[in-house]
Amino acid sequence: MMVEDFTAYLRANGPVAAIVGTRIYAVNLPQQIPGVSNPLPAVVYTQISGRRPQTMEGATGLNDGRYQFSCQAADYKTAKQLSQAVRDALENLSGTIGSTVTLGTQLITERDTYDAVALKFMIDTDFHIWHREP
């Protein structure tokens, strides 16, 4: 499945792993992680939208998804470094990742935000990721 394959890919990426270790999650950052005193820095990714193109003959088996990768840290510098590492790992990526055939990725937009309640900086990057459905 695409989400597990991309999680494993980012966890195995040297520059990303050097900053977050294995703290890469789908949709939600856990408040408590067994054996971890601080959940930051971390990457949280979410599918924002997706299209599954059709032809006159039916489904193509493709997914044109828009995914947001939120790079979160307690300080702005670490959030920016993590965002750069994730961007370098994902930009213009194609090929087979785990069992997912990725046809291409493209960076669409970036945003810097700060959560004053959770006291964390977030650099959100949005990517189009074209891949084949399993």
N, C-alpha and C. Protein backbone atom coordinates (compact mmCIF):
# COMPACT_ATOMS: atom_id res chain seq x y z
N MET A 1 0.84 -1.18 0.00
CA MET A 1 0.00 0.00 0.00
C MET A 1 0.89 1.24 0.00
N MET A 2 0.47 2.24 -0.74
CA MET A 2 1.28 3.43 -0.95
C MET A 2 1.72 4.09 0.36
N VAL A 3 0.83 4.24 1.33
CA VAL A 3 1.20 4.96 2.56
C VAL A 3 2.28 4.22 3.34
N GLU A 4 2.18 2.90 3.43
CA GLU A 4 3.22 2.14 4.14
C GLU A 4 4.54 2.20 3.40
N ASP A 5 4.48 2.13 2.06
CA ASP A 5 5.70 2.17 1.26
C ASP A 5 6.41 3.52 1.40
N PHE A 6 5.65 4.62 1.38
CA PHE A 6 6.28 5.94 1.51
C PHE A 6 6.78 6.18 2.93
N THR A 7 6.10 5.64 3.94
CA THR A 7 6.58 5.73 5.31
C THR A 7 7.93 5.03 5.43
N ALA A 8 8.01 3.80 4.92
CA ALA A 8 9.26 3.04 4.97
C ALA A 8 10.36 3.74 4.17
N TYR A 9 10.00 4.30 3.02
CA TYR A 9 10.98 5.01 2.19
C TYR A 9 11.58 6.21 2.94
N LEU A 10 10.72 7.01 3.57
CA LEU A 10 11.22 8.18 4.30
C LEU A 10 12.01 7.77 5.54
N ARG A 11 11.57 6.72 6.23
CA ARG A 11 12.32 6.25 7.41
C ARG A 11 13.70 5.72 7.04
N ALA A 12 13.83 5.20 5.82
CA ALA A 12 15.12 4.68 5.36
C ALA A 12 16.00 5.75 4.73
N ASN A 13 15.45 6.93 4.48
CA ASN A 13 16.22 8.01 3.88
C ASN A 13 17.15 8.61 4.93
N GLY A 14 18.45 8.59 4.68
CA GLY A 14 19.44 9.03 5.65
C GLY A 14 19.22 10.42 6.24
N PRO A 15 19.10 11.46 5.41
CA PRO A 15 18.91 12.81 5.95
C PRO A 15 17.61 12.96 6.75
N VAL A 16 16.52 12.33 6.30
CA VAL A 16 15.25 12.41 7.03
C VAL A 16 15.38 11.67 8.36
N ALA A 17 15.89 10.45 8.31
CA ALA A 17 16.03 9.62 9.52
C ALA A 17 16.97 10.25 10.53
N ALA A 18 17.98 10.99 10.06
CA ALA A 18 18.91 11.65 10.99
C ALA A 18 18.19 12.68 11.85
N ILE A 19 17.10 13.23 11.35
CA ILE A 19 16.37 14.25 12.09
C ILE A 19 15.22 13.66 12.90
N VAL A 20 14.45 12.74 12.30
CA VAL A 20 13.24 12.23 12.98
C VAL A 20 13.34 10.80 13.48
N GLY A 21 14.38 10.09 13.10
CA GLY A 21 14.41 8.66 13.45
C GLY A 21 13.30 7.95 12.71
N THR A 22 12.36 7.37 13.43
CA THR A 22 11.23 6.68 12.80
C THR A 22 9.92 7.43 13.00
N ARG A 23 9.96 8.66 13.48
CA ARG A 23 8.73 9.42 13.79
C ARG A 23 8.11 10.02 12.52
N ILE A 24 7.52 9.14 11.73
CA ILE A 24 6.80 9.51 10.52
C ILE A 24 5.44 8.84 10.61
N TYR A 25 4.38 9.65 10.55
CA TYR A 25 3.03 9.14 10.83
C TYR A 25 2.04 9.59 9.76
N ALA A 26 1.01 8.78 9.59
CA ALA A 26 -0.10 9.14 8.70
C ALA A 26 -1.16 9.88 9.50
N VAL A 27 -1.59 11.00 9.01
CA VAL A 27 -2.74 11.79 9.46
C VAL A 27 -2.58 12.46 10.82
N ASN A 28 -2.06 11.78 11.82
CA ASN A 28 -2.09 12.31 13.19
C ASN A 28 -0.77 12.06 13.92
N LEU A 29 -0.28 13.07 14.62
CA LEU A 29 0.89 12.90 15.47
C LEU A 29 0.43 12.37 16.82
N PRO A 30 0.86 11.17 17.21
CA PRO A 30 0.45 10.64 18.51
C PRO A 30 0.92 11.55 19.65
N GLN A 31 0.08 11.74 20.64
CA GLN A 31 0.44 12.57 21.79
C GLN A 31 1.46 11.86 22.67
N GLN A 32 1.33 10.54 22.78
CA GLN A 32 2.27 9.75 23.56
C GLN A 32 2.73 8.58 22.72
N ILE A 33 4.03 8.39 22.68
CA ILE A 33 4.63 7.30 21.94
C ILE A 33 5.42 6.47 22.94
N PRO A 34 5.14 5.17 23.04
CA PRO A 34 5.86 4.34 24.01
C PRO A 34 7.37 4.44 23.82
N GLY A 35 8.08 4.72 24.90
CA GLY A 35 9.53 4.81 24.88
C GLY A 35 10.09 6.12 24.36
N VAL A 36 9.21 7.07 24.02
CA VAL A 36 9.66 8.36 23.48
C VAL A 36 9.12 9.47 24.38
N SER A 37 10.03 10.29 24.90
CA SER A 37 9.60 11.36 25.80
C SER A 37 9.07 12.57 25.05
N ASN A 38 9.58 12.82 23.84
CA ASN A 38 9.15 13.98 23.05
C ASN A 38 8.85 13.50 21.63
N PRO A 39 7.63 13.70 21.14
CA PRO A 39 7.29 13.22 19.80
C PRO A 39 7.87 14.05 18.65
N LEU A 40 8.56 15.15 18.97
CA LEU A 40 9.12 16.02 17.94
C LEU A 40 10.63 15.87 17.86
N PRO A 41 11.22 16.11 16.73
CA PRO A 41 10.62 16.42 15.45
C PRO A 41 9.96 15.19 14.82
N ALA A 42 9.03 15.45 13.91
CA ALA A 42 8.29 14.38 13.26
C ALA A 42 7.75 14.86 11.92
N VAL A 43 7.37 13.89 11.09
CA VAL A 43 6.68 14.15 9.84
C VAL A 43 5.30 13.53 9.93
N VAL A 44 4.28 14.30 9.61
CA VAL A 44 2.91 13.80 9.56
C VAL A 44 2.39 14.07 8.16
N TYR A 45 1.95 13.01 7.47
CA TYR A 45 1.47 13.20 6.11
C TYR A 45 0.00 12.84 6.00
N THR A 46 -0.67 13.53 5.08
CA THR A 46 -2.10 13.36 4.87
C THR A 46 -2.40 13.47 3.38
N GLN A 47 -3.29 12.62 2.90
CA GLN A 47 -3.76 12.81 1.53
C GLN A 47 -4.82 13.90 1.56
N ILE A 48 -4.58 14.95 0.81
CA ILE A 48 -5.49 16.09 0.77
C ILE A 48 -6.60 15.85 -0.25
N SER A 49 -6.22 15.31 -1.39
CA SER A 49 -7.19 15.01 -2.43
C SER A 49 -6.62 13.93 -3.33
N GLY A 50 -7.46 13.39 -4.18
CA GLY A 50 -7.01 12.37 -5.11
C GLY A 50 -7.98 12.20 -6.25
N ARG A 51 -7.42 11.89 -7.40
CA ARG A 51 -8.23 11.58 -8.57
C ARG A 51 -7.84 10.19 -9.06
N ARG A 52 -8.81 9.45 -9.50
CA ARG A 52 -8.56 8.17 -10.12
C ARG A 52 -9.13 8.24 -11.53
N PRO A 53 -8.26 8.62 -12.49
CA PRO A 53 -8.74 8.85 -13.85
C PRO A 53 -9.42 7.61 -14.45
N GLN A 54 -10.42 7.88 -15.27
CA GLN A 54 -11.16 6.83 -15.97
C GLN A 54 -11.01 7.04 -17.48
N THR A 55 -11.14 5.96 -18.22
CA THR A 55 -11.23 6.04 -19.67
C THR A 55 -12.58 5.47 -20.08
N MET A 56 -12.83 5.45 -21.36
CA MET A 56 -14.08 4.86 -21.85
C MET A 56 -14.16 3.37 -21.50
N GLU A 57 -13.00 2.76 -21.28
CA GLU A 57 -12.97 1.34 -20.95
C GLU A 57 -13.01 1.07 -19.45
N GLY A 58 -12.99 2.13 -18.64
CA GLY A 58 -13.07 1.95 -17.19
C GLY A 58 -11.87 2.53 -16.46
N ALA A 59 -11.63 2.00 -15.28
CA ALA A 59 -10.57 2.50 -14.41
C ALA A 59 -9.19 2.28 -15.02
N THR A 60 -8.31 3.26 -14.84
CA THR A 60 -6.95 3.17 -15.37
C THR A 60 -5.99 2.51 -14.39
N GLY A 61 -6.40 2.43 -13.11
CA GLY A 61 -5.50 1.90 -12.09
C GLY A 61 -4.51 2.92 -11.58
N LEU A 62 -4.70 4.19 -11.95
CA LEU A 62 -3.80 5.25 -11.52
C LEU A 62 -4.45 6.09 -10.43
N ASN A 63 -3.61 6.69 -9.61
CA ASN A 63 -4.07 7.62 -8.57
C ASN A 63 -3.21 8.88 -8.68
N ASP A 64 -3.87 9.99 -8.85
CA ASP A 64 -3.20 11.29 -8.85
C ASP A 64 -3.55 11.93 -7.52
N GLY A 65 -2.74 11.67 -6.52
CA GLY A 65 -3.02 12.16 -5.18
C GLY A 65 -2.23 13.41 -4.84
N ARG A 66 -2.85 14.25 -4.04
CA ARG A 66 -2.14 15.41 -3.48
C ARG A 66 -1.94 15.10 -2.00
N TYR A 67 -0.68 15.09 -1.59
CA TYR A 67 -0.31 14.73 -0.22
C TYR A 67 0.41 15.88 0.45
N GLN A 68 0.08 16.12 1.70
CA GLN A 68 0.76 17.14 2.49
C GLN A 68 1.68 16.45 3.49
N PHE A 69 2.94 16.87 3.51
CA PHE A 69 3.92 16.39 4.47
C PHE A 69 4.21 17.54 5.42
N SER A 70 3.76 17.39 6.67
CA SER A 70 3.94 18.43 7.67
C SER A 70 5.18 18.08 8.50
N CYS A 71 6.22 18.90 8.35
CA CYS A 71 7.48 18.70 9.09
C CYS A 71 7.40 19.54 10.35
N GLN A 72 7.35 18.87 11.50
CA GLN A 72 7.08 19.54 12.77
C GLN A 72 8.28 19.43 13.71
N ALA A 73 8.55 20.54 14.40
CA ALA A 73 9.66 20.57 15.35
C ALA A 73 9.41 21.66 16.38
N ALA A 74 10.15 21.57 17.48
CA ALA A 74 10.03 22.56 18.55
C ALA A 74 10.70 23.88 18.19
N ASP A 75 11.61 23.86 17.20
CA ASP A 75 12.26 25.10 16.77
C ASP A 75 12.20 25.22 15.25
N TYR A 76 12.20 26.44 14.78
CA TYR A 76 12.03 26.74 13.36
C TYR A 76 13.16 26.15 12.52
N LYS A 77 14.39 26.25 12.99
CA LYS A 77 15.53 25.76 12.22
C LYS A 77 15.41 24.27 11.93
N THR A 78 15.06 23.48 12.94
CA THR A 78 14.92 22.04 12.76
C THR A 78 13.77 21.73 11.81
N ALA A 79 12.65 22.45 11.93
CA ALA A 79 11.51 22.24 11.03
C ALA A 79 11.93 22.52 9.58
N LYS A 80 12.70 23.57 9.35
CA LYS A 80 13.16 23.91 8.00
C LYS A 80 14.13 22.86 7.47
N GLN A 81 15.05 22.39 8.32
CA GLN A 81 15.99 21.36 7.90
C GLN A 81 15.26 20.07 7.53
N LEU A 82 14.26 19.71 8.34
CA LEU A 82 13.48 18.52 8.07
C LEU A 82 12.69 18.68 6.77
N SER A 83 12.11 19.84 6.57
CA SER A 83 11.37 20.10 5.34
C SER A 83 12.27 19.96 4.12
N GLN A 84 13.48 20.47 4.20
CA GLN A 84 14.43 20.36 3.09
C GLN A 84 14.77 18.90 2.83
N ALA A 85 14.98 18.12 3.88
CA ALA A 85 15.32 16.70 3.72
C ALA A 85 14.16 15.94 3.07
N VAL A 86 12.94 16.21 3.51
CA VAL A 86 11.76 15.55 2.93
C VAL A 86 11.59 15.97 1.47
N ARG A 87 11.75 17.25 1.20
CA ARG A 87 11.63 17.75 -0.17
C ARG A 87 12.66 17.09 -1.07
N ASP A 88 13.92 17.01 -0.61
CA ASP A 88 14.97 16.37 -1.40
C ASP A 88 14.66 14.89 -1.65
N ALA A 89 14.06 14.23 -0.66
CA ALA A 89 13.75 12.80 -0.79
C ALA A 89 12.60 12.54 -1.76
N LEU A 90 11.65 13.48 -1.84
CA LEU A 90 10.42 13.22 -2.61
C LEU A 90 10.35 13.91 -3.97
N GLU A 91 11.06 14.99 -4.15
CA GLU A 91 10.91 15.78 -5.38
C GLU A 91 11.40 15.00 -6.60
N ASN A 92 10.55 14.96 -7.64
CA ASN A 92 10.86 14.30 -8.91
C ASN A 92 11.21 12.82 -8.75
N LEU A 93 10.53 12.17 -7.84
CA LEU A 93 10.76 10.76 -7.56
C LEU A 93 9.93 9.90 -8.50
N SER A 94 10.51 8.84 -9.02
CA SER A 94 9.75 7.87 -9.80
C SER A 94 10.43 6.52 -9.65
N GLY A 95 9.67 5.47 -9.92
CA GLY A 95 10.18 4.11 -9.79
C GLY A 95 9.34 3.33 -8.78
N THR A 96 9.79 2.15 -8.47
CA THR A 96 9.07 1.30 -7.54
C THR A 96 9.58 1.53 -6.13
N ILE A 97 8.68 1.88 -5.24
CA ILE A 97 8.99 2.11 -3.83
C ILE A 97 8.21 1.07 -3.05
N GLY A 98 8.92 0.09 -2.51
CA GLY A 98 8.23 -1.04 -1.89
C GLY A 98 7.44 -1.75 -2.97
N SER A 99 6.12 -1.80 -2.82
CA SER A 99 5.27 -2.41 -3.85
C SER A 99 4.52 -1.36 -4.66
N THR A 100 4.81 -0.09 -4.44
CA THR A 100 4.11 1.00 -5.12
C THR A 100 4.90 1.46 -6.34
N VAL A 101 4.25 1.42 -7.50
CA VAL A 101 4.86 1.95 -8.71
C VAL A 101 4.53 3.43 -8.78
N THR A 102 5.56 4.25 -8.58
CA THR A 102 5.40 5.70 -8.57
C THR A 102 5.80 6.23 -9.93
N LEU A 103 4.87 6.93 -10.57
CA LEU A 103 5.11 7.46 -11.91
C LEU A 103 5.77 8.83 -11.87
N GLY A 104 5.62 9.53 -10.76
CA GLY A 104 6.25 10.84 -10.64
C GLY A 104 5.70 11.61 -9.46
N THR A 105 6.53 12.50 -8.94
CA THR A 105 6.13 13.38 -7.85
C THR A 105 6.50 14.81 -8.25
N GLN A 106 5.74 15.74 -7.72
CA GLN A 106 6.02 17.15 -8.02
C GLN A 106 5.63 18.00 -6.81
N LEU A 107 6.56 18.82 -6.36
CA LEU A 107 6.28 19.77 -5.29
C LEU A 107 5.32 20.83 -5.82
N ILE A 108 4.26 21.09 -5.05
CA ILE A 108 3.26 22.08 -5.47
C ILE A 108 3.40 23.37 -4.67
N THR A 109 3.46 23.25 -3.34
CA THR A 109 3.47 24.45 -2.51
C THR A 109 4.10 24.16 -1.17
N GLU A 110 4.52 25.22 -0.48
CA GLU A 110 5.09 25.12 0.87
C GLU A 110 4.49 26.23 1.74
N ARG A 111 4.33 25.94 3.03
CA ARG A 111 3.83 26.93 3.98
C ARG A 111 4.56 26.79 5.31
N ASP A 112 4.86 27.89 5.95
CA ASP A 112 5.42 27.89 7.30
C ASP A 112 4.32 28.33 8.26
N THR A 113 4.12 27.57 9.33
CA THR A 113 3.13 27.94 10.34
C THR A 113 3.69 27.66 11.73
N TYR A 114 3.02 28.23 12.72
CA TYR A 114 3.39 28.01 14.11
C TYR A 114 2.12 27.74 14.91
N ASP A 115 2.15 26.71 15.73
CA ASP A 115 1.03 26.37 16.60
C ASP A 115 1.38 26.88 18.00
N ALA A 116 0.74 27.97 18.41
CA ALA A 116 1.04 28.60 19.70
C ALA A 116 0.53 27.78 20.88
N VAL A 117 -0.42 26.91 20.66
CA VAL A 117 -0.93 26.06 21.74
C VAL A 117 0.01 24.88 21.96
N ALA A 118 0.38 24.19 20.87
CA ALA A 118 1.27 23.03 20.97
C ALA A 118 2.74 23.42 21.02
N LEU A 119 3.03 24.71 20.79
CA LEU A 119 4.40 25.24 20.79
C LEU A 119 5.29 24.49 19.81
N LYS A 120 4.84 24.46 18.54
CA LYS A 120 5.65 23.79 17.53
C LYS A 120 5.57 24.54 16.21
N PHE A 121 6.66 24.43 15.46
CA PHE A 121 6.75 25.00 14.13
C PHE A 121 6.42 23.90 13.13
N MET A 122 5.72 24.28 12.05
CA MET A 122 5.34 23.32 11.04
C MET A 122 5.64 23.90 9.66
N ILE A 123 6.36 23.14 8.87
CA ILE A 123 6.60 23.48 7.48
C ILE A 123 5.84 22.44 6.67
N ASP A 124 4.79 22.87 6.00
CA ASP A 124 3.95 21.96 5.23
C ASP A 124 4.32 22.04 3.76
N THR A 125 4.58 20.89 3.16
CA THR A 125 4.86 20.82 1.73
C THR A 125 3.81 19.92 1.10
N ASP A 126 3.26 20.37 -0.02
CA ASP A 126 2.26 19.60 -0.75
C ASP A 126 2.89 19.06 -2.03
N PHE A 127 2.65 17.77 -2.27
CA PHE A 127 3.16 17.10 -3.46
C PHE A 127 2.03 16.44 -4.22
N HIS A 128 2.11 16.49 -5.55
CA HIS A 128 1.31 15.59 -6.38
C HIS A 128 2.13 14.30 -6.48
N ILE A 129 1.49 13.18 -6.21
CA ILE A 129 2.15 11.88 -6.33
C ILE A 129 1.28 11.00 -7.24
N TRP A 130 1.81 10.71 -8.43
CA TRP A 130 1.14 9.82 -9.37
C TRP A 130 1.63 8.41 -9.11
N HIS A 131 0.71 7.51 -8.85
CA HIS A 131 1.13 6.12 -8.63
C HIS A 131 0.03 5.17 -9.09
N ARG A 132 0.43 3.93 -9.28
CA ARG A 132 -0.52 2.90 -9.66
C ARG A 132 -1.19 2.36 -8.41
N GLU A 133 -2.48 2.08 -8.54
CA GLU A 133 -3.22 1.44 -7.44
C GLU A 133 -2.81 -0.04 -7.40
N PRO A 134 -2.77 -0.62 -6.21
CA PRO A 134 -2.39 -2.05 -6.13
C PRO A 134 -3.43 -2.95 -6.77
